[in-house]
Each structure stands twice: as structure tokens, then as C-alpha cells.
Amino acid sequence: MGVNPGDHVGRCAQNSADWIAFYCVFKAGAVALKLSDALTRGELAMLVNQAQPSFVFTAAAKLHELVALRCSAGLEKIICPGGELDLEQLKAT
């Protein structure tokens, strides 16, 4: 996927076993960021702009907010059911 050591990778979704792939970021040497799914749009924007994650795993409920931040925050990929890279596609790679 192009995750490199030192990259920041975020997850903005409720805790669930469905997100186990997120923890592979440690294996890649990346920095894992947990962004609460309870954050308001403004809080999420502030944290994403500050942390500058390359990739974000998210649930469909937060997809539109993260897509809106894509240009300003430097997000390369948003991984989400129905997003640029679906979790099922990720499992197949």
C-alpha cells in the first residue's frame, strides 16, 4: 500500500475487530493514530491537519468529513467500506 516507516496512519471508527488490519501499521514501522469517532468536524479537522496522516481507516459515517480534509491534510488514501480502498480489497492484498 505504500506505508513507510515513520508515516502516520489514522483510524477514525468505533472499536471493533473489523479494524484489525489497522494494527499492521506497526509492522510497517508507521505511527498509529487513534482518532475518536466522536470528534466533531472541527476537532477532526484540527487533529488531522496537525498529525498529517498519509492514510486513514474510517467508517462510512466519517467518510465525507475525511474526504473534505483530503486536500488540506495531505491524505493519500482513505480506507473505508465504500471508500477508495474497501476493507475487503485490503484483505485480498
Protein backbone atom coordinates (compact mmCIF):
# COMPACT_ATOMS: atom_id res chain seq x y z
CA MET A 1 0.00 0.00 0.00
CA GLY A 2 2.96 2.32 0.27
CA VAL A 3 3.06 2.78 4.04
CA ASN A 4 6.62 3.61 5.02
CA PRO A 5 8.38 3.69 8.39
CA GLY A 6 7.52 6.91 10.17
CA ASP A 7 4.30 7.54 8.19
CA HIS A 8 1.28 8.47 10.28
CA VAL A 9 -1.75 6.22 9.78
CA GLY A 10 -5.02 7.07 11.49
CA ARG A 11 -8.18 5.23 12.41
CA CYS A 12 -11.42 7.12 12.96
CA ALA A 13 -14.03 4.48 13.77
CA GLN A 14 -15.61 2.68 16.71
CA ASN A 15 -13.54 -0.04 18.32
CA SER A 16 -14.20 -3.32 16.56
CA ALA A 17 -12.39 -6.47 15.46
CA ASP A 18 -13.18 -5.38 11.89
CA TRP A 19 -10.29 -2.92 12.11
CA ILE A 20 -7.57 -5.47 12.93
CA ALA A 21 -5.79 -4.61 9.66
CA PHE A 22 -5.13 -1.15 11.11
CA TYR A 23 -2.63 -2.64 13.53
CA CYS A 24 -0.45 -3.82 10.66
CA VAL A 25 0.86 -0.25 10.60
CA PHE A 26 3.14 -1.23 13.49
CA LYS A 27 4.66 -3.99 11.35
CA ALA A 28 5.38 -1.40 8.66
CA GLY A 29 7.11 0.84 11.21
CA ALA A 30 4.43 3.52 10.90
CA VAL A 31 2.88 5.60 13.66
CA ALA A 32 -0.68 4.60 14.59
CA LEU A 33 -3.10 7.43 15.41
CA LYS A 34 -6.45 6.74 17.06
CA LEU A 35 -8.89 9.50 16.15
CA SER A 36 -12.12 9.17 18.11
CA ASP A 37 -15.23 8.66 16.01
CA ALA A 38 -16.97 11.03 18.47
CA LEU A 39 -14.91 14.03 17.33
CA THR A 40 -16.80 16.94 15.85
CA ARG A 41 -15.97 18.05 12.30
CA GLY A 42 -13.83 20.91 13.66
CA GLU A 43 -11.97 18.71 16.15
CA LEU A 44 -11.28 16.09 13.49
CA ALA A 45 -10.03 18.75 11.08
CA MET A 46 -7.68 20.19 13.70
CA LEU A 47 -6.19 16.80 14.61
CA VAL A 48 -5.85 15.56 11.02
CA ASN A 49 -4.23 18.82 9.90
CA GLN A 50 -1.81 18.67 12.82
CA ALA A 51 -0.93 14.96 12.61
CA GLN A 52 -0.84 14.82 8.78
CA PRO A 53 -1.67 11.09 8.40
CA SER A 54 -0.93 9.57 4.99
CA PHE A 55 -3.70 7.00 5.33
CA VAL A 56 -6.86 6.87 7.44
CA PHE A 57 -9.04 3.87 8.18
CA THR A 58 -12.60 5.02 8.82
CA ALA A 59 -16.23 4.03 8.97
CA ALA A 60 -18.76 5.24 6.42
CA ALA A 61 -20.17 7.76 8.92
CA LYS A 62 -16.92 9.79 8.88
CA LEU A 63 -16.01 9.28 5.22
CA HIS A 64 -17.46 12.59 3.98
CA GLU A 65 -15.64 14.57 6.67
CA LEU A 66 -12.28 12.99 5.84
CA VAL A 67 -12.76 13.39 2.09
CA ALA A 68 -13.32 17.10 2.73
CA LEU A 69 -9.96 17.25 4.54
CA ARG A 70 -8.05 15.35 1.89
CA CYS A 71 -6.51 18.31 0.06
CA SER A 72 -5.58 20.37 3.11
CA ALA A 73 -4.28 17.46 5.21
CA GLY A 74 -2.29 15.53 2.61
CA LEU A 75 -4.24 12.29 2.96
CA GLU A 76 -3.16 9.79 0.31
CA LYS A 77 -5.80 7.12 0.92
CA ILE A 78 -8.97 6.79 2.94
CA ILE A 79 -9.70 3.15 3.68
CA CYS A 80 -13.38 2.57 4.30
CA PRO A 81 -16.32 0.43 3.28
CA GLY A 82 -17.36 2.22 0.10
CA GLY A 83 -14.20 4.34 0.09
CA GLU A 84 -11.13 4.41 -2.15
CA LEU A 85 -9.88 1.13 -0.73
CA ASP A 86 -12.52 -1.14 0.76
CA LEU A 87 -11.56 -3.40 3.66
CA GLU A 88 -12.33 -6.47 1.54
CA GLN A 89 -9.85 -5.28 -1.10
CA LEU A 90 -7.27 -4.76 1.63
CA LYS A 91 -7.73 -8.30 2.94
CA ALA A 92 -7.16 -9.68 -0.58
CA THR A 93 -3.75 -7.97 -0.94
